[in-house]
PDB file of N, CA and C in Angstrom:
ATOM      1  N   MET A   1      25.597 -30.035  11.410  1.00  0.00           N
ATOM      2  CA  MET A   1      25.522 -29.663  10.004  1.00  0.00           C
ATOM      3  C   MET A   1      24.140 -29.080   9.705  1.00  0.00           C
ATOM      4  N   THR A   2      24.123 -28.015   8.947  1.00  0.00           N
ATOM      5  CA  THR A   2      22.875 -27.362   8.560  1.00  0.00           C
ATOM      6  C   THR A   2      22.221 -28.171   7.451  1.00  0.00           C
ATOM      7  N   ASP A   3      20.936 -28.451   7.638  1.00  0.00           N
ATOM      8  CA  ASP A   3      20.280 -29.206   6.580  1.00  0.00           C
ATOM      9  C   ASP A   3      19.666 -28.269   5.542  1.00  0.00           C
ATOM     10  N   ILE A   4      19.194 -28.821   4.475  1.00  0.00           N
ATOM     11  CA  ILE A   4      18.704 -28.042   3.333  1.00  0.00           C
ATOM     12  C   ILE A   4      17.481 -27.197   3.687  1.00  0.00           C
ATOM     13  N   ILE A   5      16.653 -27.653   4.624  1.00  0.00           N
ATOM     14  CA  ILE A   5      15.472 -26.884   5.025  1.00  0.00           C
ATOM     15  C   ILE A   5      15.891 -25.610   5.752  1.00  0.00           C
ATOM     16  N   ASP A   6      16.898 -25.708   6.625  1.00  0.00           N
ATOM     17  CA  ASP A   6      17.400 -24.514   7.317  1.00  0.00           C
ATOM     18  C   ASP A   6      17.974 -23.507   6.322  1.00  0.00           C
ATOM     19  N   LEU A   7      18.711 -24.002   5.335  1.00  0.00           N
ATOM     20  CA  LEU A   7      19.273 -23.126   4.305  1.00  0.00           C
ATOM     21  C   LEU A   7      18.168 -22.450   3.500  1.00  0.00           C
ATOM     22  N   ALA A   8      17.128 -23.204   3.162  1.00  0.00           N
ATOM     23  CA  ALA A   8      16.008 -22.652   2.394  1.00  0.00           C
ATOM     24  C   ALA A   8      15.271 -21.591   3.202  1.00  0.00           C
ATOM     25  N   GLN A   9      15.063 -21.834   4.485  1.00  0.00           N
ATOM     26  CA  GLN A   9      14.391 -20.854   5.334  1.00  0.00           C
ATOM     27  C   GLN A   9      15.214 -19.583   5.478  1.00  0.00           C
ATOM     28  N   ALA A  10      16.509 -19.731   5.634  1.00  0.00           N
ATOM     29  CA  ALA A  10      17.380 -18.555   5.736  1.00  0.00           C
ATOM     30  C   ALA A  10      17.342 -17.750   4.441  1.00  0.00           C
ATOM     31  N   ARG A  11      17.362 -18.445   3.311  1.00  0.00           N
ATOM     32  CA  ARG A  11      17.311 -17.758   2.017  1.00  0.00           C
ATOM     33  C   ARG A  11      15.970 -17.045   1.830  1.00  0.00           C
ATOM     34  N   GLU A  12      14.883 -17.694   2.229  1.00  0.00           N
ATOM     35  CA  GLU A  12      13.560 -17.082   2.135  1.00  0.00           C
ATOM     36  C   GLU A  12      13.481 -15.816   2.985  1.00  0.00           C
ATOM     37  N   GLU A  13      14.013 -15.863   4.193  1.00  0.00           N
ATOM     38  CA  GLU A  13      14.015 -14.688   5.065  1.00  0.00           C
ATOM     39  C   GLU A  13      14.810 -13.543   4.445  1.00  0.00           C
ATOM     40  N   GLN A  14      15.947 -13.868   3.832  1.00  0.00           N
ATOM     41  CA  GLN A  14      16.769 -12.839   3.201  1.00  0.00           C
ATOM     42  C   GLN A  14      16.053 -12.230   1.997  1.00  0.00           C
ATOM     43  N   LEU A  15      15.417 -13.063   1.188  1.00  0.00           N
ATOM     44  CA  LEU A  15      14.674 -12.560   0.028  1.00  0.00           C
ATOM     45  C   LEU A  15      13.520 -11.668   0.463  1.00  0.00           C
ATOM     46  N   ARG A  16      12.827 -12.048   1.528  1.00  0.00           N
ATOM     47  CA  ARG A  16      11.715 -11.252   2.037  1.00  0.00           C
ATOM     48  C   ARG A  16      12.222  -9.897   2.548  1.00  0.00           C
ATOM     49  N   ALA A  17      13.310  -9.912   3.286  1.00  0.00           N
ATOM     50  CA  ALA A  17      13.882  -8.668   3.802  1.00  0.00           C
ATOM     51  C   ALA A  17      14.322  -7.762   2.654  1.00  0.00           C
ATOM     52  N   ASP A  18      14.937  -8.347   1.631  1.00  0.00           N
ATOM     53  CA  ASP A  18      15.358  -7.561   0.470  1.00  0.00           C
ATOM     54  C   ASP A  18      14.158  -6.960  -0.256  1.00  0.00           C
ATOM     55  N   ALA A  19      13.088  -7.747  -0.417  1.00  0.00           N
ATOM     56  CA  ALA A  19      11.892  -7.258  -1.103  1.00  0.00           C
ATOM     57  C   ALA A  19      11.241  -6.124  -0.325  1.00  0.00           C
ATOM     58  N   LEU A  20      11.165  -6.254   0.986  1.00  0.00           N
ATOM     59  CA  LEU A  20      10.577  -5.192   1.804  1.00  0.00           C
ATOM     60  C   LEU A  20      11.423  -3.922   1.756  1.00  0.00           C
ATOM     61  N   ALA A  21      12.739  -4.077   1.777  1.00  0.00           N
ATOM     62  CA  ALA A  21      13.616  -2.912   1.685  1.00  0.00           C
ATOM     63  C   ALA A  21      13.456  -2.218   0.339  1.00  0.00           C
ATOM     64  N   GLU A  22      13.333  -2.994  -0.729  1.00  0.00           N
ATOM     65  CA  GLU A  22      13.139  -2.427  -2.063  1.00  0.00           C
ATOM     66  C   GLU A  22      11.795  -1.715  -2.159  1.00  0.00           C
ATOM     67  N   ARG A  23      10.777  -2.292  -1.558  1.00  0.00           N
ATOM     68  CA  ARG A  23       9.452  -1.672  -1.561  1.00  0.00           C
ATOM     69  C   ARG A  23       9.495  -0.326  -0.830  1.00  0.00           C
ATOM     70  N   GLU A  24      10.178  -0.288   0.304  1.00  0.00           N
ATOM     71  CA  GLU A  24      10.323   0.966   1.052  1.00  0.00           C
ATOM     72  C   GLU A  24      11.051   2.012   0.214  1.00  0.00           C
ATOM     73  N   ARG A  25      12.087   1.577  -0.480  1.00  0.00           N
ATOM     74  CA  ARG A  25      12.892   2.492  -1.278  1.00  0.00           C
ATOM     75  C   ARG A  25      12.083   3.080  -2.426  1.00  0.00           C
ATOM     76  N   LYS A  26      11.207   2.265  -3.024  1.00  0.00           N
ATOM     77  CA  LYS A  26      10.433   2.701  -4.180  1.00  0.00           C
ATOM     78  C   LYS A  26       9.098   3.350  -3.799  1.00  0.00           C
ATOM     79  N   ALA A  27       8.789   3.409  -2.509  1.00  0.00           N
ATOM     80  CA  ALA A  27       7.505   3.969  -2.074  1.00  0.00           C
ATOM     81  C   ALA A  27       7.351   5.381  -2.614  1.00  0.00           C
ATOM     82  N   PRO A  28       6.183   5.678  -3.182  1.00  0.00           N
ATOM     83  CA  PRO A  28       5.984   7.038  -3.690  1.00  0.00           C
ATOM     84  C   PRO A  28       6.024   8.053  -2.555  1.00  0.00           C
ATOM     85  N   ALA A  29       6.499   9.221  -2.879  1.00  0.00           N
ATOM     86  CA  ALA A  29       6.617  10.278  -1.874  1.00  0.00           C
ATOM     87  C   ALA A  29       5.262  10.602  -1.257  1.00  0.00           C
ATOM     88  N   ALA A  30       4.193  10.491  -2.034  1.00  0.00           N
ATOM     89  CA  ALA A  30       2.857  10.791  -1.518  1.00  0.00           C
ATOM     90  C   ALA A  30       2.481   9.855  -0.369  1.00  0.00           C
ATOM     91  N   ALA A  31       2.955   8.628  -0.403  1.00  0.00           N
ATOM     92  CA  ALA A  31       2.627   7.679   0.661  1.00  0.00           C
ATOM     93  C   ALA A  31       3.304   8.069   1.975  1.00  0.00           C
ATOM     94  N   LEU A  32       4.340   8.887   1.892  1.00  0.00           N
ATOM     95  CA  LEU A  32       5.052   9.297   3.086  1.00  0.00           C
ATOM     96  C   LEU A  32       4.484  10.578   3.690  1.00  0.00           C
ATOM     97  N   LEU A  33       3.588  11.235   2.971  1.00  0.00           N
ATOM     98  CA  LEU A  33       3.010  12.483   3.457  1.00  0.00           C
ATOM     99  C   LEU A  33       1.978  12.212   4.540  1.00  0.00           C
ATOM    100  N   PRO A  34       1.844  13.103   5.489  1.00  0.00           N
ATOM    101  CA  PRO A  34       0.810  12.918   6.505  1.00  0.00           C
ATOM    102  C   PRO A  34      -0.581  13.135   5.902  1.00  0.00           C
ATOM    103  N   TRP A  35      -1.566  12.541   6.524  1.00  0.00           N
ATOM    104  CA  TRP A  35      -2.942  12.711   6.074  1.00  0.00           C
ATOM    105  C   TRP A  35      -3.455  14.033   6.582  1.00  0.00           C
ATOM    106  N   PRO A  36      -4.438  14.659   6.003  1.00  0.00           N
ATOM    107  CA  PRO A  36      -5.237  14.117   4.924  1.00  0.00           C
ATOM    108  C   PRO A  36      -4.629  14.392   3.550  1.00  0.00           C
ATOM    109  N   ARG A  37      -4.780  13.429   2.691  1.00  0.00           N
ATOM    110  CA  ARG A  37      -4.492  13.637   1.280  1.00  0.00           C
ATOM    111  C   ARG A  37      -5.821  13.916   0.607  1.00  0.00           C
ATOM    112  N   ASP A  38      -5.769  14.478  -0.553  1.00  0.00           N
ATOM    113  CA  ASP A  38      -6.996  14.826  -1.258  1.00  0.00           C
ATOM    114  C   ASP A  38      -7.373  13.751  -2.264  1.00  0.00           C
ATOM    115  N   CYS A  39      -8.677  13.597  -2.455  1.00  0.00           N
ATOM    116  CA  CYS A  39      -9.220  12.663  -3.425  1.00  0.00           C
ATOM    117  C   CYS A  39      -8.772  13.092  -4.825  1.00  0.00           C
ATOM    118  N   GLY A  40      -8.375  12.138  -5.629  1.00  0.00           N
ATOM    119  CA  GLY A  40      -7.920  12.426  -6.983  1.00  0.00           C
ATOM    120  C   GLY A  40      -9.039  12.800  -7.926  1.00  0.00           C
ATOM    121  N   HIS A  41     -10.291  12.640  -7.510  1.00  0.00           N
ATOM    122  CA  HIS A  41     -11.415  12.979  -8.382  1.00  0.00           C
ATOM    123  C   HIS A  41     -12.106  14.268  -7.948  1.00  0.00           C
ATOM    124  N   CYS A  42     -12.574  14.306  -6.695  1.00  0.00           N
ATOM    125  CA  CYS A  42     -13.359  15.463  -6.248  1.00  0.00           C
ATOM    126  C   CYS A  42     -12.537  16.494  -5.482  1.00  0.00           C
ATOM    127  N   GLY A  43     -11.360  16.099  -4.994  1.00  0.00           N
ATOM    128  CA  GLY A  43     -10.508  17.036  -4.268  1.00  0.00           C
ATOM    129  C   GLY A  43     -10.780  17.123  -2.777  1.00  0.00           C
ATOM    130  N   ASP A  44     -11.813  16.425  -2.288  1.00  0.00           N
ATOM    131  CA  ASP A  44     -12.077  16.411  -0.848  1.00  0.00           C
ATOM    132  C   ASP A  44     -10.986  15.608  -0.137  1.00  0.00           C
ATOM    133  N   PRO A  45     -10.729  15.924   1.130  1.00  0.00           N
ATOM    134  CA  PRO A  45      -9.729  15.148   1.872  1.00  0.00           C
ATOM    135  C   PRO A  45     -10.179  13.697   2.049  1.00  0.00           C
ATOM    136  N   ILE A  46      -9.228  12.781   1.962  1.00  0.00           N
ATOM    137  CA  ILE A  46      -9.511  11.366   2.231  1.00  0.00           C
ATOM    138  C   ILE A  46      -9.421  11.183   3.744  1.00  0.00           C
ATOM    139  N   PRO A  47     -10.470  10.689   4.391  1.00  0.00           N
ATOM    140  CA  PRO A  47     -10.471  10.547   5.847  1.00  0.00           C
ATOM    141  C   PRO A  47      -9.338   9.647   6.347  1.00  0.00           C
ATOM    142  N   ALA A  48      -8.817   9.975   7.511  1.00  0.00           N
ATOM    143  CA  ALA A  48      -7.719   9.206   8.096  1.00  0.00           C
ATOM    144  C   ALA A  48      -8.115   7.755   8.326  1.00  0.00           C
ATOM    145  N   GLU A  49      -9.382   7.506   8.657  1.00  0.00           N
ATOM    146  CA  GLU A  49      -9.837   6.129   8.884  1.00  0.00           C
ATOM    147  C   GLU A  49      -9.685   5.312   7.611  1.00  0.00           C
ATOM    148  N   ARG A  50     -10.025   5.909   6.456  1.00  0.00           N
ATOM    149  CA  ARG A  50      -9.877   5.204   5.181  1.00  0.00           C
ATOM    150  C   ARG A  50      -8.398   4.974   4.888  1.00  0.00           C
ATOM    151  N   ALA A  51      -7.575   5.945   5.211  1.00  0.00           N
ATOM    152  CA  ALA A  51      -6.142   5.827   4.964  1.00  0.00           C
ATOM    153  C   ALA A  51      -5.522   4.710   5.798  1.00  0.00           C
ATOM    154  N   GLU A  52      -6.035   4.512   7.008  1.00  0.00           N
ATOM    155  CA  GLU A  52      -5.507   3.437   7.847  1.00  0.00           C
ATOM    156  C   GLU A  52      -5.814   2.081   7.243  1.00  0.00           C
ATOM    157  N   VAL A  53      -7.014   1.932   6.688  1.00  0.00           N
ATOM    158  CA  VAL A  53      -7.425   0.660   6.104  1.00  0.00           C
ATOM    159  C   VAL A  53      -6.812   0.474   4.720  1.00  0.00           C
ATOM    160  N   LEU A  54      -6.776   1.541   3.934  1.00  0.00           N
ATOM    161  CA  LEU A  54      -6.244   1.506   2.565  1.00  0.00           C
ATOM    162  C   LEU A  54      -5.183   2.591   2.409  1.00  0.00           C
ATOM    163  N   PRO A  55      -3.946   2.307   2.797  1.00  0.00           N
ATOM    164  CA  PRO A  55      -2.914   3.340   2.783  1.00  0.00           C
ATOM    165  C   PRO A  55      -2.650   3.963   1.410  1.00  0.00           C
ATOM    166  N   ASN A  56      -2.941   3.250   0.344  1.00  0.00           N
ATOM    167  CA  ASN A  56      -2.681   3.779  -0.998  1.00  0.00           C
ATOM    168  C   ASN A  56      -3.943   4.312  -1.678  1.00  0.00           C
ATOM    169  N   ALA A  57      -4.991   4.537  -0.906  1.00  0.00           N
ATOM    170  CA  ALA A  57      -6.245   5.026  -1.484  1.00  0.00           C
ATOM    171  C   ALA A  57      -6.019   6.373  -2.153  1.00  0.00           C
ATOM    172  N   ALA A  58      -6.466   6.478  -3.394  1.00  0.00           N
ATOM    173  CA  ALA A  58      -6.330   7.732  -4.143  1.00  0.00           C
ATOM    174  C   ALA A  58      -7.658   8.463  -4.245  1.00  0.00           C
ATOM    175  N   LEU A  59      -8.749   7.771  -3.905  1.00  0.00           N
ATOM    176  CA  LEU A  59     -10.082   8.350  -4.007  1.00  0.00           C
ATOM    177  C   LEU A  59     -10.792   8.256  -2.665  1.00  0.00           C
ATOM    178  N   CYS A  60     -11.688   9.209  -2.410  1.00  0.00           N
ATOM    179  CA  CYS A  60     -12.539   9.113  -1.224  1.00  0.00           C
ATOM    180  C   CYS A  60     -13.551   7.990  -1.457  1.00  0.00           C
ATOM    181  N   ARG A  61     -14.237   7.609  -0.409  1.00  0.00           N
ATOM    182  CA  ARG A  61     -15.163   6.476  -0.518  1.00  0.00           C
ATOM    183  C   ARG A  61     -16.285   6.718  -1.535  1.00  0.00           C
ATOM    184  N   PRO A  62     -16.966   7.874  -1.528  1.00  0.00           N
ATOM    185  CA  PRO A  62     -18.029   8.073  -2.520  1.00  0.00           C
ATOM    186  C   PRO A  62     -17.516   7.997  -3.966  1.00  0.00           C
ATOM    187  N   CYS A  63     -16.363   8.578  -4.229  1.00  0.00           N
ATOM    188  CA  CYS A  63     -15.825   8.538  -5.597  1.00  0.00           C
ATOM    189  C   CYS A  63     -15.417   7.117  -5.980  1.00  0.00           C
ATOM    190  N   GLN A  64     -14.832   6.372  -5.033  1.00  0.00           N
ATOM    191  CA  GLN A  64     -14.449   4.994  -5.310  1.00  0.00           C
ATOM    192  C   GLN A  64     -15.688   4.146  -5.566  1.00  0.00           C
ATOM    193  N   THR A  65     -16.750   4.373  -4.801  1.00  0.00           N
ATOM    194  CA  THR A  65     -17.998   3.627  -4.990  1.00  0.00           C
ATOM    195  C   THR A  65     -18.572   3.893  -6.369  1.00  0.00           C
ATOM    196  N   ARG A  66     -18.585   5.173  -6.771  1.00  0.00           N
ATOM    197  CA  ARG A  66     -19.092   5.508  -8.106  1.00  0.00           C
ATOM    198  C   ARG A  66     -18.248   4.847  -9.197  1.00  0.00           C
ATOM    199  N   ARG A  67     -16.952   4.799  -8.999  1.00  0.00           N
ATOM    200  CA  ARG A  67     -16.068   4.201  -9.998  1.00  0.00           C
ATOM    201  C   ARG A  67     -16.315   2.705 -10.120  1.00  0.00           C
ATOM    202  N   GLU A  68     -16.600   2.042  -8.995  1.00  0.00           N
ATOM    203  CA  GLU A  68     -16.777   0.583  -9.013  1.00  0.00           C
ATOM    204  C   GLU A  68     -18.181   0.168  -9.440  1.00  0.00           C
ATOM    205  N   ARG A  69     -19.145   1.084  -9.364  1.00  0.00           N
ATOM    206  CA  ARG A  69     -20.518   0.754  -9.711  1.00  0.00           C
ATOM    207  C   ARG A  69     -20.593   0.434 -11.205  1.00  0.00           C
ATOM    208  N   PRO A  70     -21.221  -0.695 -11.574  1.00  0.00           N
ATOM    209  CA  PRO A  70     -21.339  -1.014 -12.995  1.00  0.00           C
ATOM    210  C   PRO A  70     -22.226  -0.019 -13.731  1.00  0.00           C
ATOM    211  N   ARG A  71     -21.830   0.304 -14.934  1.00  0.00           N
ATOM    212  CA  ARG A  71     -22.632   1.236 -15.746  1.00  0.00           C
ATOM    213  C   ARG A  71     -23.775   0.466 -16.393  1.00  0.00           C
ATOM    214  N   ARG A  72     -24.885   1.157 -16.527  1.00  0.00           N
ATOM    215  CA  ARG A  72     -26.063   0.500 -17.131  1.00  0.00           C
ATOM    216  C   ARG A  72     -26.419   1.130 -18.435  1.00  0.00           C
TER     217      ARG A  72
END
């Protein structure tokens, strides 16, 4: 007989698989494009190394740094 923990684990696996499938389905078309993509601020290409670490990066590193820097 299957116990409640096995049932819960099976349900968790199914929910995770469903969530991942939904995420894939809703992925923006831009995320599927090959690199380089262009920075949304300056227009320079976003380096492939940055894309590997941050797949959804919309800004190049200098522009992102400027955006995160506190204003004085």
